[in-house]
Amino acid sequence: MFGSYIDSWVKVNALQQGFYLVNYSSELWKALQGPVSTQELDVVDRVALLQAVFFLSRAGHVSIVDALEFAQAYALDTEYLVWKELSDNLVQIVALFDDQVWFPDSDLTKQLRRQVIGMLGRANDDAVIAEATRRFQQSMHQNTVLPSDFRADVFRLHITTTSEPELAFAHLTQLYHASSTEPDVKLEIVYAMGLFPQPLVKQRVLEWGLQNVRPQDISMPFAGVAATAAGASVAWAYVQANWDSLNAQYPNPRVVGRILNASIRELKTDTDATSVETFLLPRQHAAYSRSVEETLESIRIKHVVATRDAPRLRQWLE
């Protein structure tokens, strides 16, 4: 811990020459906001501090409130790497707390990520959603593939907000089967199809995927369906209900392991982890046991972080 007796600021490990994390006192984290906001520190150091403060927050060594307060120093930063790092961490926080009644979901998302909306397409901005819908419908009517630089964002924004999921589903399946569609575009399509928010449509996507998607890619529709905690509950329930048929259809246990991990990765409570463990106890295969253990550890870490940080974050937001 650095900073207990420091009146000004100091950034240890300049330009990240060493491979280690540095924690500072609460006072020094606040002091470092100055050289971050004025960009007196090099972009390498600014990104490193951002990485460190959120990593240490997840580990419980820095308050989530202190991490978010520190992140405000980057409001005027224009470096892509800074906003990529900031957005990645904000996405994790939103995903962890967006089901809490006190969490101001869409408004906070707009406020925090307006400047990176083009990069991740995660914010519920009316103008951006309207533009995504326009481009998706244009592609649908012209039966063309969207450009790669914004295709994934258009898919995600339209699919998660459309009032006509059947039309979007039909277009994406038609596009998937078109002989001119490249393999990488097919992967984006099957992942995006899982993002429909309606549980019945999600289940239909999984059933369609099992009939149409190659075994080496079959985890993608499950990953799309399970991209949120609510969707993961749908995917996990489907895996449990269809366990025997999945293993019969895919005799290679590594394929089943990929489906399993894709389905449970976004679960986030200790109860969820215990449910998975209980179900797999007589069914676990050595081919994927290690990867499942790592996924369960990640779920439990999310549970610890959410339980520990929810009261402080709620108070800070209020």
C-alpha atoms as a PDB file:
ATOM      1  CA  MET A   1       0.000   0.000   0.000  1.00  0.00           C
ATOM      2  CA  PHE A   2       1.481   3.325  -1.104  1.00  0.00           C
ATOM      3  CA  GLY A   3       0.471   6.803  -0.109  1.00  0.00           C
ATOM      4  CA  SER A   4       0.017   6.924   3.657  1.00  0.00           C
ATOM      5  CA  TYR A   5       2.606   9.680   4.043  1.00  0.00           C
ATOM      6  CA  ILE A   6       2.503  11.325   0.625  1.00  0.00           C
ATOM      7  CA  ASP A   7       1.273  14.898   0.300  1.00  0.00           C
ATOM      8  CA  SER A   8       1.287  15.090  -3.516  1.00  0.00           C
ATOM      9  CA  TRP A   9       0.957  12.162  -5.936  1.00  0.00           C
ATOM     10  CA  VAL A  10       3.184   9.399  -7.187  1.00  0.00           C
ATOM     11  CA  LYS A  11       2.568   6.714  -9.787  1.00  0.00           C
ATOM     12  CA  VAL A  12       4.599   3.569  -9.101  1.00  0.00           C
ATOM     13  CA  ASN A  13       5.880   1.398 -11.966  1.00  0.00           C
ATOM     14  CA  ALA A  14       6.115   4.143 -14.566  1.00  0.00           C
ATOM     15  CA  LEU A  15       5.144   3.002 -18.072  1.00  0.00           C
ATOM     16  CA  GLN A  16       4.441  -0.458 -16.628  1.00  0.00           C
ATOM     17  CA  GLN A  17       7.982  -1.722 -16.819  1.00  0.00           C
ATOM     18  CA  GLY A  18       7.260  -4.356 -14.163  1.00  0.00           C
ATOM     19  CA  PHE A  19       4.573  -7.033 -14.105  1.00  0.00           C
ATOM     20  CA  TYR A  20       2.757  -6.295 -10.848  1.00  0.00           C
ATOM     21  CA  LEU A  21      -0.211  -4.383  -9.467  1.00  0.00           C
ATOM     22  CA  VAL A  22       0.105  -1.407  -7.122  1.00  0.00           C
ATOM     23  CA  ASN A  23      -2.528  -0.334  -4.630  1.00  0.00           C
ATOM     24  CA  TYR A  24      -2.583   3.180  -3.158  1.00  0.00           C
ATOM     25  CA  SER A  25      -4.217   4.778  -0.169  1.00  0.00           C
ATOM     26  CA  SER A  26      -7.655   6.273  -0.710  1.00  0.00           C
ATOM     27  CA  GLU A  27      -6.074   9.736  -0.507  1.00  0.00           C
ATOM     28  CA  LEU A  28      -3.508   8.950  -3.182  1.00  0.00           C
ATOM     29  CA  TRP A  29      -6.086   7.454  -5.514  1.00  0.00           C
ATOM     30  CA  LYS A  30      -7.876  10.806  -5.242  1.00  0.00           C
ATOM     31  CA  ALA A  31      -4.625  12.691  -5.791  1.00  0.00           C
ATOM     32  CA  LEU A  32      -3.908  10.664  -8.944  1.00  0.00           C
ATOM     33  CA  GLN A  33      -7.130  11.925 -10.468  1.00  0.00           C
ATOM     34  CA  GLY A  34      -5.343  15.205 -11.169  1.00  0.00           C
ATOM     35  CA  PRO A  35      -2.570  13.938 -13.485  1.00  0.00           C
ATOM     36  CA  VAL A  36      -5.065  11.539 -15.066  1.00  0.00           C
ATOM     37  CA  SER A  37      -7.617  14.225 -15.932  1.00  0.00           C
ATOM     38  CA  THR A  38      -4.947  16.643 -17.202  1.00  0.00           C
ATOM     39  CA  GLN A  39      -3.251  13.741 -19.047  1.00  0.00           C
ATOM     40  CA  GLU A  40       0.043  14.599 -17.408  1.00  0.00           C
ATOM     41  CA  LEU A  41       0.456  10.848 -17.156  1.00  0.00           C
ATOM     42  CA  ASP A  42       1.176   8.874 -20.318  1.00  0.00           C
ATOM     43  CA  VAL A  43      -1.692   6.835 -21.805  1.00  0.00           C
ATOM     44  CA  VAL A  44       0.079   3.630 -20.733  1.00  0.00           C
ATOM     45  CA  ASP A  45      -0.001   4.769 -17.113  1.00  0.00           C
ATOM     46  CA  ARG A  46      -3.573   6.036 -17.356  1.00  0.00           C
ATOM     47  CA  VAL A  47      -4.809   2.714 -18.697  1.00  0.00           C
ATOM     48  CA  ALA A  48      -2.751   0.819 -16.102  1.00  0.00           C
ATOM     49  CA  LEU A  49      -4.292   2.806 -13.245  1.00  0.00           C
ATOM     50  CA  LEU A  50      -7.764   2.168 -14.614  1.00  0.00           C
ATOM     51  CA  GLN A  51      -7.080  -1.559 -14.908  1.00  0.00           C
ATOM     52  CA  ALA A  52      -5.639  -1.656 -11.407  1.00  0.00           C
ATOM     53  CA  VAL A  53      -8.389   0.233  -9.607  1.00  0.00           C
ATOM     54  CA  PHE A  54     -11.170  -1.960 -11.022  1.00  0.00           C
ATOM     55  CA  PHE A  55      -9.198  -5.178 -10.536  1.00  0.00           C
ATOM     56  CA  LEU A  56      -8.469  -4.241  -6.930  1.00  0.00           C
ATOM     57  CA  SER A  57     -12.120  -3.292  -6.488  1.00  0.00           C
ATOM     58  CA  ARG A  58     -13.260  -6.742  -7.624  1.00  0.00           C
ATOM     59  CA  ALA A  59     -10.719  -8.280  -5.251  1.00  0.00           C
ATOM     60  CA  GLY A  60     -12.106  -6.211  -2.368  1.00  0.00           C
ATOM     61  CA  HIS A  61      -8.996  -4.097  -1.776  1.00  0.00           C
ATOM     62  CA  VAL A  62     -10.519  -0.872  -3.149  1.00  0.00           C
ATOM     63  CA  SER A  63     -14.101   0.245  -2.614  1.00  0.00           C
ATOM     64  CA  ILE A  64     -16.276   0.094  -5.718  1.00  0.00           C
ATOM     65  CA  VAL A  65     -17.274   3.673  -4.925  1.00  0.00           C
ATOM     66  CA  ASP A  66     -13.617   4.768  -4.901  1.00  0.00           C
ATOM     67  CA  ALA A  67     -13.092   2.995  -8.228  1.00  0.00           C
ATOM     68  CA  LEU A  68     -16.053   4.756  -9.840  1.00  0.00           C
ATOM     69  CA  GLU A  69     -15.007   8.100  -8.360  1.00  0.00           C
ATOM     70  CA  PHE A  70     -11.516   7.586  -9.768  1.00  0.00           C
ATOM     71  CA  ALA A  71     -12.930   6.667 -13.190  1.00  0.00           C
ATOM     72  CA  GLN A  72     -14.584  10.097 -13.448  1.00  0.00           C
ATOM     73  CA  ALA A  73     -11.113  11.553 -14.011  1.00  0.00           C
ATOM     74  CA  TYR A  74     -11.206  10.023 -17.521  1.00  0.00           C
ATOM     75  CA  ALA A  75     -14.310  11.929 -18.656  1.00  0.00           C
ATOM     76  CA  LEU A  76     -12.406  14.065 -21.179  1.00  0.00           C
ATOM     77  CA  ASP A  77      -9.888  11.439 -22.260  1.00  0.00           C
ATOM     78  CA  THR A  78      -9.892  10.725 -25.999  1.00  0.00           C
ATOM     79  CA  GLU A  79      -7.688   7.630 -26.125  1.00  0.00           C
ATOM     80  CA  TYR A  80      -9.356   4.493 -27.487  1.00  0.00           C
ATOM     81  CA  LEU A  81      -7.525   2.182 -25.050  1.00  0.00           C
ATOM     82  CA  VAL A  82      -8.750   4.234 -22.100  1.00  0.00           C
ATOM     83  CA  TRP A  83     -12.387   4.056 -23.182  1.00  0.00           C
ATOM     84  CA  LYS A  84     -12.114   0.386 -24.092  1.00  0.00           C
ATOM     85  CA  GLU A  85     -10.839  -0.396 -20.587  1.00  0.00           C
ATOM     86  CA  LEU A  86     -13.393   1.875 -18.934  1.00  0.00           C
ATOM     87  CA  SER A  87     -16.271   0.464 -20.931  1.00  0.00           C
ATOM     88  CA  ASP A  88     -15.262  -3.166 -20.293  1.00  0.00           C
ATOM     89  CA  ASN A  89     -15.331  -2.544 -16.549  1.00  0.00           C
ATOM     90  CA  LEU A  90     -18.574  -0.567 -16.597  1.00  0.00           C
ATOM     91  CA  VAL A  91     -20.185  -3.381 -18.570  1.00  0.00           C
ATOM     92  CA  GLN A  92     -19.243  -5.801 -15.792  1.00  0.00           C
ATOM     93  CA  ILE A  93     -20.724  -3.532 -13.136  1.00  0.00           C
ATOM     94  CA  VAL A  94     -23.950  -3.007 -15.088  1.00  0.00           C
ATOM     95  CA  ALA A  95     -24.255  -6.769 -15.714  1.00  0.00           C
ATOM     96  CA  LEU A  96     -23.763  -7.464 -12.016  1.00  0.00           C
ATOM     97  CA  PHE A  97     -26.319  -4.988 -10.684  1.00  0.00           C
ATOM     98  CA  ASP A  98     -28.813  -4.323 -13.496  1.00  0.00           C
ATOM     99  CA  ASP A  99     -31.441  -6.567 -11.900  1.00  0.00           C
ATOM    100  CA  GLN A 100     -31.488  -4.505  -8.690  1.00  0.00           C
ATOM    101  CA  VAL A 101     -34.522  -2.241  -8.342  1.00  0.00           C
ATOM    102  CA  TRP A 102     -32.347   0.616  -7.120  1.00  0.00           C
ATOM    103  CA  PHE A 103     -29.954   0.451 -10.086  1.00  0.00           C
ATOM    104  CA  PRO A 104     -30.790   3.171 -12.682  1.00  0.00           C
ATOM    105  CA  ASP A 105     -30.205   0.877 -15.648  1.00  0.00           C
ATOM    106  CA  SER A 106     -30.783   2.726 -18.895  1.00  0.00           C
ATOM    107  CA  ASP A 107     -30.210   6.262 -17.608  1.00  0.00           C
ATOM    108  CA  LEU A 108     -26.880   5.373 -16.007  1.00  0.00           C
ATOM    109  CA  THR A 109     -25.816   3.471 -19.108  1.00  0.00           C
ATOM    110  CA  LYS A 110     -26.530   6.485 -21.257  1.00  0.00           C
ATOM    111  CA  GLN A 111     -24.672   8.835 -18.942  1.00  0.00           C
ATOM    112  CA  LEU A 112     -21.579   6.689 -18.498  1.00  0.00           C
ATOM    113  CA  ARG A 113     -21.154   5.321 -21.985  1.00  0.00           C
ATOM    114  CA  ARG A 114     -22.451   7.882 -24.438  1.00  0.00           C
ATOM    115  CA  GLN A 115     -18.931   8.488 -25.763  1.00  0.00           C
ATOM    116  CA  VAL A 116     -18.303   4.796 -26.409  1.00  0.00           C
ATOM    117  CA  ILE A 117     -21.707   3.852 -27.757  1.00  0.00           C
ATOM    118  CA  GLY A 118     -20.335   3.357 -31.237  1.00  0.00           C
ATOM    119  CA  MET A 119     -17.635   1.063 -29.905  1.00  0.00           C
ATOM    120  CA  LEU A 120     -19.769  -1.320 -27.901  1.00  0.00           C
ATOM    121  CA  GLY A 121     -23.345  -0.531 -28.832  1.00  0.00           C
ATOM    122  CA  ARG A 122     -24.451  -1.134 -25.270  1.00  0.00           C
ATOM    123  CA  ALA A 123     -26.224   2.099 -24.402  1.00  0.00           C
ATOM    124  CA  ASN A 124     -30.010   2.433 -24.744  1.00  0.00           C
ATOM    125  CA  ASP A 125     -29.798   5.657 -26.715  1.00  0.00           C
ATOM    126  CA  ASP A 126     -33.002   6.356 -28.671  1.00  0.00           C
ATOM    127  CA  ALA A 127     -31.199   7.845 -31.666  1.00  0.00           C
ATOM    128  CA  VAL A 128     -28.729   4.975 -31.862  1.00  0.00           C
ATOM    129  CA  ILE A 129     -31.493   2.368 -31.541  1.00  0.00           C
ATOM    130  CA  ALA A 130     -33.465   4.097 -34.298  1.00  0.00           C
ATOM    131  CA  GLU A 131     -30.418   4.115 -36.559  1.00  0.00           C
ATOM    132  CA  ALA A 132     -29.683   0.453 -35.830  1.00  0.00           C
ATOM    133  CA  THR A 133     -33.288  -0.441 -36.651  1.00  0.00           C
ATOM    134  CA  ARG A 134     -33.128   1.529 -39.889  1.00  0.00           C
ATOM    135  CA  ARG A 135     -29.953  -0.235 -40.989  1.00  0.00           C
ATOM    136  CA  PHE A 136     -31.242  -3.678 -39.994  1.00  0.00           C
ATOM    137  CA  GLN A 137     -34.491  -3.189 -41.897  1.00  0.00           C
ATOM    138  CA  GLN A 138     -32.627  -1.828 -44.907  1.00  0.00           C
ATOM    139  CA  SER A 139     -30.460  -4.942 -44.908  1.00  0.00           C
ATOM    140  CA  MET A 140     -33.560  -7.114 -44.538  1.00  0.00           C
ATOM    141  CA  HIS A 141     -35.426  -5.495 -47.436  1.00  0.00           C
ATOM    142  CA  GLN A 142     -32.373  -5.513 -49.694  1.00  0.00           C
ATOM    143  CA  ASN A 143     -31.308  -8.979 -48.526  1.00  0.00           C
ATOM    144  CA  THR A 144     -27.739  -7.791 -47.993  1.00  0.00           C
ATOM    145  CA  VAL A 145     -25.081  -8.346 -45.313  1.00  0.00           C
ATOM    146  CA  LEU A 146     -24.258  -5.369 -43.112  1.00  0.00           C
ATOM    147  CA  PRO A 147     -20.679  -4.006 -43.107  1.00  0.00           C
ATOM    148  CA  SER A 148     -18.426  -5.714 -40.579  1.00  0.00           C
ATOM    149  CA  ASP A 149     -17.438  -2.541 -38.718  1.00  0.00           C
ATOM    150  CA  PHE A 150     -20.895  -2.098 -37.167  1.00  0.00           C
ATOM    151  CA  ARG A 151     -22.753  -5.328 -37.985  1.00  0.00           C
ATOM    152  CA  ALA A 152     -22.578  -6.814 -34.469  1.00  0.00           C
ATOM    153  CA  ASP A 153     -23.835  -3.574 -32.861  1.00  0.00           C
ATOM    154  CA  VAL A 154     -26.747  -3.290 -35.291  1.00  0.00           C
ATOM    155  CA  PHE A 155     -27.703  -6.909 -34.700  1.00  0.00           C
ATOM    156  CA  ARG A 156     -27.570  -6.507 -30.929  1.00  0.00           C
ATOM    157  CA  LEU A 157     -29.431  -3.212 -30.699  1.00  0.00           C
ATOM    158  CA  HIS A 158     -32.222  -4.179 -33.078  1.00  0.00           C
ATOM    159  CA  ILE A 159     -32.714  -7.704 -31.754  1.00  0.00           C
ATOM    160  CA  THR A 160     -32.928  -6.589 -28.121  1.00  0.00           C
ATOM    161  CA  THR A 161     -35.425  -3.780 -28.817  1.00  0.00           C
ATOM    162  CA  THR A 162     -37.580  -4.862 -31.765  1.00  0.00           C
ATOM    163  CA  SER A 163     -41.331  -5.290 -31.328  1.00  0.00           C
ATOM    164  CA  GLU A 164     -41.306  -7.768 -34.229  1.00  0.00           C
ATOM    165  CA  PRO A 165     -38.933 -10.559 -33.208  1.00  0.00           C
ATOM    166  CA  GLU A 166     -40.456 -13.032 -35.691  1.00  0.00           C
ATOM    167  CA  LEU A 167     -39.484 -10.862 -38.660  1.00  0.00           C
ATOM    168  CA  ALA A 168     -35.941 -10.425 -37.366  1.00  0.00           C
ATOM    169  CA  PHE A 169     -35.655 -14.147 -36.632  1.00  0.00           C
ATOM    170  CA  ALA A 170     -36.807 -15.043 -40.148  1.00  0.00           C
ATOM    171  CA  HIS A 171     -34.362 -12.618 -41.746  1.00  0.00           C
ATOM    172  CA  LEU A 172     -31.397 -13.893 -39.729  1.00  0.00           C
ATOM    173  CA  THR A 173     -32.132 -17.535 -40.466  1.00  0.00           C
ATOM    174  CA  GLN A 174     -32.476 -16.732 -44.159  1.00  0.00           C
ATOM    175  CA  LEU A 175     -29.206 -14.816 -44.071  1.00  0.00           C
ATOM    176  CA  TYR A 176     -27.505 -17.695 -42.249  1.00  0.00           C
ATOM    177  CA  HIS A 177     -28.537 -20.198 -44.936  1.00  0.00           C
ATOM    178  CA  ALA A 178     -27.568 -17.930 -47.863  1.00  0.00           C
ATOM    179  CA  SER A 179     -24.693 -19.495 -49.805  1.00  0.00           C
ATOM    180  CA  SER A 180     -22.957 -16.122 -50.034  1.00  0.00           C
ATOM    181  CA  THR A 181     -22.767 -15.622 -46.258  1.00  0.00           C
ATOM    182  CA  GLU A 182     -19.213 -16.006 -44.966  1.00  0.00           C
ATOM    183  CA  PRO A 183     -18.474 -18.367 -42.035  1.00  0.00           C
ATOM    184  CA  ASP A 184     -17.505 -15.520 -39.676  1.00  0.00           C
ATOM    185  CA  VAL A 185     -20.777 -13.745 -40.456  1.00  0.00           C
ATOM    186  CA  LYS A 186     -22.678 -16.960 -39.723  1.00  0.00           C
ATOM    187  CA  LEU A 187     -21.087 -17.028 -36.259  1.00  0.00           C
ATOM    188  CA  GLU A 188     -22.154 -13.445 -35.599  1.00  0.00           C
ATOM    189  CA  ILE A 189     -25.682 -14.311 -36.726  1.00  0.00           C
ATOM    190  CA  VAL A 190     -26.125 -17.358 -34.477  1.00  0.00           C
ATOM    191  CA  TYR A 191     -24.749 -15.445 -31.480  1.00  0.00           C
ATOM    192  CA  ALA A 192     -26.956 -12.429 -32.190  1.00  0.00           C
ATOM    193  CA  MET A 193     -30.069 -14.601 -32.533  1.00  0.00           C
ATOM    194  CA  GLY A 194     -29.641 -15.648 -28.926  1.00  0.00           C
ATOM    195  CA  LEU A 195     -29.983 -12.027 -27.797  1.00  0.00           C
ATOM    196  CA  PHE A 196     -33.745 -11.861 -28.313  1.00  0.00           C
ATOM    197  CA  PRO A 197     -35.043 -11.042 -24.798  1.00  0.00           C
ATOM    198  CA  GLN A 198     -38.212 -13.179 -25.023  1.00  0.00           C
ATOM    199  CA  PRO A 199     -37.678 -16.556 -23.259  1.00  0.00           C
ATOM    200  CA  LEU A 200     -39.787 -18.458 -25.802  1.00  0.00           C
ATOM    201  CA  VAL A 201     -37.814 -16.999 -28.690  1.00  0.00           C
ATOM    202  CA  LYS A 202     -34.570 -17.873 -26.908  1.00  0.00           C
ATOM    203  CA  GLN A 203     -35.713 -21.473 -26.602  1.00  0.00           C
ATOM    204  CA  ARG A 204     -36.656 -21.499 -30.272  1.00  0.00           C
ATOM    205  CA  VAL A 205     -33.178 -20.206 -31.137  1.00  0.00           C
ATOM    206  CA  LEU A 206     -31.591 -23.109 -29.237  1.00  0.00           C
ATOM    207  CA  GLU A 207     -33.799 -25.647 -30.987  1.00  0.00           C
ATOM    208  CA  TRP A 208     -33.058 -24.087 -34.362  1.00  0.00           C
ATOM    209  CA  GLY A 209     -29.337 -24.045 -33.586  1.00  0.00           C
ATOM    210  CA  LEU A 210     -29.258 -27.745 -32.719  1.00  0.00           C
ATOM    211  CA  GLN A 211     -30.758 -28.500 -36.122  1.00  0.00           C
ATOM    212  CA  ASN A 212     -28.740 -26.084 -38.249  1.00  0.00           C
ATOM    213  CA  VAL A 213     -25.426 -25.085 -36.647  1.00  0.00           C
ATOM    214  CA  ARG A 214     -22.259 -27.160 -37.042  1.00  0.00           C
ATOM    215  CA  PRO A 215     -21.027 -29.034 -33.939  1.00  0.00           C
ATOM    216  CA  GLN A 216     -17.853 -26.928 -33.777  1.00  0.00           C
ATOM    217  CA  ASP A 217     -19.993 -23.761 -33.592  1.00  0.00           C
ATOM    218  CA  ILE A 218     -22.949 -24.979 -31.536  1.00  0.00           C
ATOM    219  CA  SER A 219     -21.841 -23.201 -28.367  1.00  0.00           C
ATOM    220  CA  MET A 220     -22.454 -19.835 -30.094  1.00  0.00           C
ATOM    221  CA  PRO A 221     -26.269 -19.819 -29.964  1.00  0.00           C
ATOM    222  CA  PHE A 222     -26.087 -20.955 -26.332  1.00  0.00           C
ATOM    223  CA  ALA A 223     -23.626 -18.138 -25.597  1.00  0.00           C
ATOM    224  CA  GLY A 224     -25.947 -15.602 -27.222  1.00  0.00           C
ATOM    225  CA  VAL A 225     -28.987 -16.835 -25.310  1.00  0.00           C
ATOM    226  CA  ALA A 226     -26.967 -16.782 -22.067  1.00  0.00           C
ATOM    227  CA  ALA A 227     -25.368 -13.367 -22.611  1.00  0.00           C
ATOM    228  CA  THR A 228     -27.305 -11.990 -19.625  1.00  0.00           C
ATOM    229  CA  ALA A 229     -28.067 -13.531 -16.241  1.00  0.00           C
ATOM    230  CA  ALA A 230     -31.758 -13.877 -17.192  1.00  0.00           C
ATOM    231  CA  GLY A 231     -30.807 -15.509 -20.477  1.00  0.00           C
ATOM    232  CA  ALA A 232     -28.347 -17.808 -18.720  1.00  0.00           C
ATOM    233  CA  SER A 233     -31.221 -19.115 -16.596  1.00  0.00           C
ATOM    234  CA  VAL A 234     -33.080 -20.001 -19.818  1.00  0.00           C
ATOM    235  CA  ALA A 235     -30.039 -21.699 -21.360  1.00  0.00           C
ATOM    236  CA  TRP A 236     -29.170 -23.600 -18.184  1.00  0.00           C
ATOM    237  CA  ALA A 237     -32.749 -24.828 -17.787  1.00  0.00           C
ATOM    238  CA  TYR A 238     -32.693 -25.997 -21.405  1.00  0.00           C
ATOM    239  CA  VAL A 239     -29.401 -27.842 -20.912  1.00  0.00           C
ATOM    240  CA  GLN A 240     -30.739 -29.619 -17.841  1.00  0.00           C
ATOM    241  CA  ALA A 241     -34.000 -30.597 -19.527  1.00  0.00           C
ATOM    242  CA  ASN A 242     -32.212 -31.870 -22.642  1.00  0.00           C
ATOM    243  CA  TRP A 243     -29.018 -33.281 -21.110  1.00  0.00           C
ATOM    244  CA  ASP A 244     -29.407 -36.809 -22.445  1.00  0.00           C
ATOM    245  CA  SER A 245     -30.338 -35.738 -25.968  1.00  0.00           C
ATOM    246  CA  LEU A 246     -27.439 -33.237 -26.098  1.00  0.00           C
ATOM    247  CA  ASN A 247     -24.969 -35.952 -25.134  1.00  0.00           C
ATOM    248  CA  ALA A 248     -26.502 -38.310 -27.678  1.00  0.00           C
ATOM    249  CA  GLN A 249     -26.333 -35.700 -30.443  1.00  0.00           C
ATOM    250  CA  TYR A 250     -22.763 -34.715 -29.571  1.00  0.00           C
ATOM    251  CA  PRO A 251     -20.816 -37.823 -28.468  1.00  0.00           C
ATOM    252  CA  ASN A 252     -17.650 -35.711 -28.191  1.00  0.00           C
ATOM    253  CA  PRO A 253     -17.773 -34.543 -24.528  1.00  0.00           C
ATOM    254  CA  ARG A 254     -15.740 -31.442 -25.356  1.00  0.00           C
ATOM    255  CA  VAL A 255     -18.638 -30.148 -27.462  1.00  0.00           C
ATOM    256  CA  VAL A 256     -21.047 -30.692 -24.561  1.00  0.00           C
ATOM    257  CA  GLY A 257     -18.545 -28.974 -22.277  1.00  0.00           C
ATOM    258  CA  ARG A 258     -18.488 -25.902 -24.508  1.00  0.00           C
ATOM    259  CA  ILE A 259     -22.304 -25.807 -24.544  1.00  0.00           C
ATOM    260  CA  LEU A 260     -22.367 -26.154 -20.757  1.00  0.00           C
ATOM    261  CA  ASN A 261     -19.843 -23.406 -20.080  1.00  0.00           C
ATOM    262  CA  ALA A 262     -21.487 -21.042 -22.562  1.00  0.00           C
ATOM    263  CA  SER A 263     -24.831 -21.605 -20.843  1.00  0.00           C
ATOM    264  CA  ILE A 264     -23.748 -20.971 -17.251  1.00  0.00           C
ATOM    265  CA  ARG A 265     -21.011 -18.345 -17.612  1.00  0.00           C
ATOM    266  CA  GLU A 266     -23.274 -15.354 -16.895  1.00  0.00           C
ATOM    267  CA  LEU A 267     -25.013 -16.842 -13.862  1.00  0.00           C
ATOM    268  CA  LYS A 268     -24.095 -14.796 -10.811  1.00  0.00           C
ATOM    269  CA  THR A 269     -25.290 -16.228  -7.501  1.00  0.00           C
ATOM    270  CA  ASP A 270     -23.919 -18.857  -5.184  1.00  0.00           C
ATOM    271  CA  THR A 271     -27.271 -20.631  -5.454  1.00  0.00           C
ATOM    272  CA  ASP A 272     -26.759 -20.867  -9.219  1.00  0.00           C
ATOM    273  CA  ALA A 273     -23.284 -22.361  -8.763  1.00  0.00           C
ATOM    274  CA  THR A 274     -24.572 -24.905  -6.258  1.00  0.00           C
ATOM    275  CA  SER A 275     -27.397 -25.839  -8.632  1.00  0.00           C
ATOM    276  CA  VAL A 276     -24.895 -26.525 -11.405  1.00  0.00           C
ATOM    277  CA  GLU A 277     -22.661 -28.554  -9.109  1.00  0.00           C
ATOM    278  CA  THR A 278     -25.569 -30.641  -7.834  1.00  0.00           C
ATOM    279  CA  PHE A 279     -26.833 -31.401 -11.323  1.00  0.00           C
ATOM    280  CA  LEU A 280     -23.381 -32.326 -12.633  1.00  0.00           C
ATOM    281  CA  LEU A 281     -22.330 -34.410  -9.645  1.00  0.00           C
ATOM    282  CA  PRO A 282     -23.307 -37.741 -11.270  1.00  0.00           C
ATOM    283  CA  ARG A 283     -22.801 -36.455 -14.827  1.00  0.00           C
ATOM    284  CA  GLN A 284     -19.515 -34.528 -14.934  1.00  0.00           C
ATOM    285  CA  HIS A 285     -16.989 -35.627 -17.555  1.00  0.00           C
ATOM    286  CA  ALA A 286     -13.226 -35.273 -17.173  1.00  0.00           C
ATOM    287  CA  ALA A 287     -13.018 -33.621 -20.602  1.00  0.00           C
ATOM    288  CA  TYR A 288     -14.603 -30.449 -19.296  1.00  0.00           C
ATOM    289  CA  SER A 289     -14.521 -30.711 -15.501  1.00  0.00           C
ATOM    290  CA  ARG A 290     -11.635 -28.236 -15.153  1.00  0.00           C
ATOM    291  CA  SER A 291     -13.237 -25.557 -17.316  1.00  0.00           C
ATOM    292  CA  VAL A 292     -16.542 -25.948 -15.441  1.00  0.00           C
ATOM    293  CA  GLU A 293     -14.725 -25.563 -12.113  1.00  0.00           C
ATOM    294  CA  GLU A 294     -13.204 -22.305 -13.351  1.00  0.00           C
ATOM    295  CA  THR A 295     -16.608 -21.057 -14.507  1.00  0.00           C
ATOM    296  CA  LEU A 296     -18.183 -21.915 -11.145  1.00  0.00           C
ATOM    297  CA  GLU A 297     -15.383 -20.074  -9.365  1.00  0.00           C
ATOM    298  CA  SER A 298     -16.093 -17.031 -11.524  1.00  0.00           C
ATOM    299  CA  ILE A 299     -19.813 -17.217 -10.661  1.00  0.00           C
ATOM    300  CA  ARG A 300     -19.039 -17.351  -6.951  1.00  0.00           C
ATOM    301  CA  ILE A 301     -16.648 -14.407  -7.242  1.00  0.00           C
ATOM    302  CA  LYS A 302     -19.435 -12.377  -8.865  1.00  0.00           C
ATOM    303  CA  HIS A 303     -21.728 -13.352  -6.000  1.00  0.00           C
ATOM    304  CA  VAL A 304     -19.175 -12.193  -3.405  1.00  0.00           C
ATOM    305  CA  VAL A 305     -18.542  -8.916  -5.229  1.00  0.00           C
ATOM    306  CA  ALA A 306     -22.252  -8.180  -5.678  1.00  0.00           C
ATOM    307  CA  THR A 307     -23.087  -8.977  -2.045  1.00  0.00           C
ATOM    308  CA  ARG A 308     -20.179  -6.923  -0.738  1.00  0.00           C
ATOM    309  CA  ASP A 309     -20.518  -3.897  -3.006  1.00  0.00           C
ATOM    310  CA  ALA A 310     -24.282  -3.536  -3.520  1.00  0.00           C
ATOM    311  CA  PRO A 311     -24.945  -1.432  -0.378  1.00  0.00           C
ATOM    312  CA  ARG A 312     -22.061   0.954  -1.077  1.00  0.00           C
ATOM    313  CA  LEU A 313     -22.928   1.303  -4.752  1.00  0.00           C
ATOM    314  CA  ARG A 314     -26.600   1.904  -3.973  1.00  0.00           C
ATOM    315  CA  GLN A 315     -25.697   4.627  -1.475  1.00  0.00           C
ATOM    316  CA  TRP A 316     -23.308   6.248  -3.948  1.00  0.00           C
ATOM    317  CA  LEU A 317     -25.891   6.269  -6.717  1.00  0.00           C
ATOM    318  CA  GLU A 318     -28.512   7.815  -4.446  1.00  0.00           C
END
